[in-house]
Protein backbone atom coordinates (compact mmCIF):
# COMPACT_ATOMS: atom_id res chain seq x y z
CA UNK A 1 0.00 0.00 0.00
CA UNK A 2 0.97 3.61 -0.52
CA UNK A 3 2.77 5.07 2.47
CA UNK A 4 0.58 7.22 4.65
CA UNK A 5 1.84 10.76 5.10
CA UNK A 6 2.88 12.01 8.50
CA UNK A 7 5.87 13.42 10.32
CA UNK A 8 8.77 10.96 10.65
CA UNK A 9 10.44 10.87 14.07
CA UNK A 10 13.81 9.18 14.24
CA UNK A 11 14.50 9.06 17.99
CA UNK A 12 12.93 5.66 18.54
CA UNK A 13 14.19 2.04 18.64
CA UNK A 14 14.44 0.60 15.15
CA UNK A 15 12.00 -2.15 14.20
CA UNK A 16 13.39 -5.22 12.46
CA UNK A 17 11.17 -7.82 10.78
CA UNK A 18 11.30 -11.20 12.57
CA UNK A 19 14.21 -10.03 14.75
CA UNK A 20 13.13 -12.27 17.63
CA UNK A 21 14.19 -15.32 15.63
CA UNK A 22 17.72 -14.34 16.72
CA UNK A 23 18.49 -15.83 20.16
CA UNK A 24 20.92 -13.03 21.06
CA UNK A 25 18.32 -10.38 20.21
CA UNK A 26 15.77 -12.27 22.31
CA UNK A 27 18.12 -12.57 25.28
CA UNK A 28 18.95 -8.85 25.14
CA UNK A 29 15.26 -7.95 25.10
CA UNK A 30 14.48 -10.27 28.02
CA UNK A 31 17.20 -8.54 30.07
CA UNK A 32 15.29 -5.25 29.89
CA UNK A 33 11.99 -6.28 31.49
CA UNK A 34 12.60 -4.17 34.61
CA UNK A 35 13.29 -0.87 32.84
CA UNK A 36 11.06 1.83 34.38
CA UNK A 37 8.69 2.25 31.42
CA UNK A 38 8.00 -1.49 31.11
CA UNK A 39 8.29 -2.72 34.73
CA UNK A 40 4.60 -2.16 35.65
CA UNK A 41 3.53 -4.14 32.59
CA UNK A 42 6.09 -6.86 33.30
CA UNK A 43 4.58 -7.22 36.75
CA UNK A 44 1.12 -7.54 35.20
CA UNK A 45 2.35 -10.19 32.74
CA UNK A 46 3.96 -12.18 35.55
CA UNK A 47 0.74 -12.17 37.54
CA UNK A 48 -1.16 -13.41 34.49
CA UNK A 49 1.54 -16.09 34.01
CA UNK A 50 0.85 -17.29 37.55
CA UNK A 51 -2.77 -17.88 36.57
CA UNK A 52 -2.45 -19.07 32.96
CA UNK A 53 0.07 -20.90 30.77
CA UNK A 54 1.45 -19.36 27.60
CA UNK A 55 1.55 -15.68 28.55
CA UNK A 56 4.24 -13.57 26.81
CA UNK A 57 5.70 -10.29 28.05
CA UNK A 58 5.16 -6.77 26.75
CA UNK A 59 7.94 -5.65 24.38
CA UNK A 60 10.30 -3.21 26.17
CA UNK A 61 11.21 -1.60 22.84
CA UNK A 62 7.61 -0.40 22.54
CA UNK A 63 6.06 2.32 24.65
CA UNK A 64 5.23 0.34 27.77
CA UNK A 65 3.32 2.23 30.45
CA UNK A 66 4.10 5.50 28.63
CA UNK A 67 2.29 4.43 25.45
CA UNK A 68 -0.44 6.64 24.07
CA UNK A 69 -1.74 4.05 21.56
CA UNK A 70 -2.88 0.55 22.56
CA UNK A 71 -3.30 -1.99 19.76
CA UNK A 72 -5.37 -4.95 20.97
CA UNK A 73 -5.37 -8.22 19.04
CA UNK A 74 -7.01 -11.57 19.81
CA UNK A 75 -4.54 -13.93 21.55
CA UNK A 76 -0.81 -14.77 21.46
CA UNK A 77 0.14 -16.74 18.37
CA UNK A 78 2.07 -20.04 18.36
CA UNK A 79 5.41 -18.22 18.01
CA UNK A 80 4.66 -15.43 20.48
CA UNK A 81 6.18 -17.38 23.35
CA UNK A 82 8.27 -14.58 24.84
CA UNK A 83 6.79 -11.25 23.71
CA UNK A 84 3.76 -9.66 22.14
CA UNK A 85 5.78 -7.88 19.51
CA UNK A 86 5.84 -6.79 15.89
CA UNK A 87 9.33 -8.36 15.81
CA UNK A 88 8.14 -11.93 16.45
CA UNK A 89 9.08 -14.60 13.93
CA UNK A 90 5.66 -15.03 12.33
CA UNK A 91 3.68 -13.53 9.49
CA UNK A 92 1.15 -11.71 11.67
CA UNK A 93 3.99 -9.83 13.40
CA UNK A 94 5.65 -9.14 10.05
CA UNK A 95 2.38 -7.71 8.73
CA UNK A 96 1.98 -5.54 11.83
CA UNK A 97 5.57 -4.34 11.46
CA UNK A 98 4.98 -3.39 7.84
CA UNK A 99 1.71 -1.59 8.59
CA UNK A 100 3.06 0.37 11.58
CA UNK A 101 6.03 1.45 9.51
CA UNK A 102 3.84 2.54 6.60
CA UNK A 103 1.49 4.45 8.93
CA UNK A 104 4.50 6.13 10.63
CA UNK A 105 3.15 4.86 13.94
CA UNK A 106 6.23 5.07 16.15
CA UNK A 107 6.83 2.12 18.43
CA UNK A 108 7.67 4.40 21.37
CA UNK A 109 4.01 5.52 21.26
CA UNK A 110 2.51 2.03 21.01
CA UNK A 111 1.87 -0.97 23.23
CA UNK A 112 0.65 -4.26 21.73
CA UNK A 113 -1.47 -6.72 23.69
CA UNK A 114 -4.32 -9.22 23.33
CA UNK A 115 -7.87 -9.38 24.67
CA UNK A 116 -7.03 -12.98 25.60
CA UNK A 117 -3.53 -12.67 27.10
CA UNK A 118 -2.72 -16.40 27.15
CA UNK A 119 -2.11 -18.99 24.41
CA UNK A 120 -5.24 -20.89 23.31
CA UNK A 121 -3.93 -23.09 20.50
CA UNK A 122 -2.74 -26.67 20.05
CA UNK A 123 -0.38 -28.03 22.71
CA UNK A 124 2.38 -28.46 20.13
CA UNK A 125 1.92 -24.81 19.10
CA UNK A 126 1.12 -25.82 15.54
CA UNK A 127 -2.13 -23.89 15.33
CA UNK A 128 -4.10 -21.21 17.16
CA UNK A 129 -7.81 -21.77 17.71
CA UNK A 130 -10.39 -18.99 17.76
CA UNK A 131 -11.07 -17.38 21.11
CA UNK A 132 -14.22 -18.55 22.88
CA UNK A 133 -16.42 -16.44 25.09
CA UNK A 134 -14.91 -18.17 28.13
CA UNK A 135 -11.45 -17.04 26.98
CA UNK A 136 -12.63 -13.46 26.55
CA UNK A 137 -14.25 -13.56 30.00
CA UNK A 138 -11.01 -14.86 31.55
CA UNK A 139 -9.03 -12.07 29.88
CA UNK A 140 -11.37 -9.28 30.92
CA UNK A 141 -10.05 -8.67 34.49
CA UNK A 142 -6.48 -8.46 33.19
CA UNK A 143 -7.54 -6.02 30.49
CA UNK A 144 -9.14 -3.82 33.13
CA UNK A 145 -5.85 -3.84 35.06
CA UNK A 146 -3.91 -2.93 31.93
CA UNK A 147 -6.07 0.12 31.30
CA UNK A 148 -5.34 1.27 34.84
CA UNK A 149 -1.62 1.23 34.07
CA UNK A 150 -1.78 3.13 30.77
CA UNK A 151 -2.23 6.62 32.18
CA UNK A 152 -1.18 8.43 28.98
CA UNK A 153 -3.51 6.52 26.68
CA UNK A 154 -5.13 8.48 23.88
CA UNK A 155 -6.12 5.90 21.27
CA UNK A 156 -7.19 2.24 21.35
CA UNK A 157 -7.13 0.21 18.14
CA UNK A 158 -9.13 -3.03 18.20
CA UNK A 159 -7.78 -5.44 15.59
CA UNK A 160 -10.01 -8.34 14.55
CA UNK A 161 -13.54 -9.42 15.42
CA UNK A 162 -12.65 -10.88 18.81
CA UNK A 163 -10.91 -7.66 19.81
CA UNK A 164 -13.90 -5.69 18.56
CA UNK A 165 -15.93 -7.38 21.29
CA UNK A 166 -14.01 -5.27 23.83
CA UNK A 167 -15.37 -1.98 22.48
CA UNK A 168 -18.05 -1.62 25.18
CA UNK A 169 -15.53 -2.33 27.94
CA UNK A 170 -13.01 0.12 26.48
CA UNK A 171 -15.57 2.91 26.26
CA UNK A 172 -16.75 2.21 29.81
CA UNK A 173 -13.21 2.21 31.22
CA UNK A 174 -11.83 5.09 29.17
CA UNK A 175 -14.55 7.22 27.58
CA UNK A 176 -11.90 9.89 27.01
CA UNK A 177 -9.89 7.89 24.46
CA UNK A 178 -10.48 7.51 20.74
CA UNK A 179 -11.47 3.92 19.85
CA UNK A 180 -10.81 2.61 16.33
CA UNK A 181 -11.46 -0.81 14.77
CA UNK A 182 -9.68 -2.65 11.97
CA UNK A 183 -8.86 -6.02 10.50
CA UNK A 184 -6.62 -8.46 12.34
CA UNK A 185 -3.17 -8.39 10.67
CA UNK A 186 -2.97 -12.19 10.35
CA UNK A 187 -2.25 -13.72 6.93
CA UNK A 188 -5.64 -15.45 7.10
CA UNK A 189 -7.39 -12.09 7.33
CA UNK A 190 -5.08 -10.05 5.10
CA UNK A 191 -3.31 -11.99 2.41
CA UNK A 192 -6.30 -12.99 0.28
CA UNK A 193 -8.08 -9.64 0.47
CA UNK A 194 -5.78 -6.93 -0.96
CA UNK A 195 -8.20 -4.11 -0.11
CA UNK A 196 -7.84 -4.90 3.59
CA UNK A 197 -4.22 -3.77 3.58
CA UNK A 198 -5.23 -0.23 2.71
CA UNK A 199 -8.19 -0.32 5.08
CA UNK A 200 -6.01 -1.35 8.01
CA UNK A 201 -3.28 1.09 7.02
CA UNK A 202 -5.90 3.85 7.05
CA UNK A 203 -6.97 2.84 10.56
CA UNK A 204 -3.40 2.86 11.89
CA UNK A 205 -2.69 6.17 10.21
CA UNK A 206 -5.87 7.58 11.78
CA UNK A 207 -4.54 6.38 15.14
CA UNK A 208 -1.28 8.26 14.58
CA UNK A 209 -3.11 11.42 13.48
CA UNK A 210 -5.38 11.27 16.55
CA UNK A 211 -2.43 10.60 18.85
CA UNK A 212 -0.48 13.50 17.39
CA UNK A 213 -3.44 15.88 17.54
CA UNK A 214 -4.16 15.06 21.18
CA UNK A 215 -0.49 15.29 22.11
CA UNK A 216 -0.31 18.80 20.67
CA UNK A 217 -3.44 19.75 22.59
CA UNK A 218 -1.82 18.46 25.77
CA UNK A 219 1.39 20.35 25.02
CA UNK A 220 3.42 17.10 24.66
């Protein structure tokens, strides 16, 4: 898709497609889980891990607790064992990486998470199943906690039909934020429908425009 127009900011960690396939890169990222901007979210992830199997961490190279844009997807994929990240070694992450880059949505402004924060696929991690209502219900208390930690939030982007189900909760918890909805960036949703690329790019660009507009209004 054509690149969306917006101001490019260069003082942010560089995104690399599928970088977490590299064990050294993974180890370096894991060593940063207690940095101030990510520590509150690391604590949340660890408490979810105590209750559920297959819960990854928040990516410390993204915005963490300082993020102004929250992108919510469905559930961690089979290869999202360590982080919810656009640098994971899978096609959904690669698509998200490409779209964020095209929309000029800076990673320092973004936190990625899932409405179901734990893995719900096959035991051998060969396939992810669709989230059930019971999964969404189990994820709801943790989502409420997450919103309490994101004090600078300005925009929430719900990606995919399961994430769209959180719209009522989001508006109840944070009626002050802008809520947007788009396609899930998975290959199943995106790769056979070329028009969806532009539609999702437009949504992410709208998130960046809204974030930027509100930041200027706040004097940030």
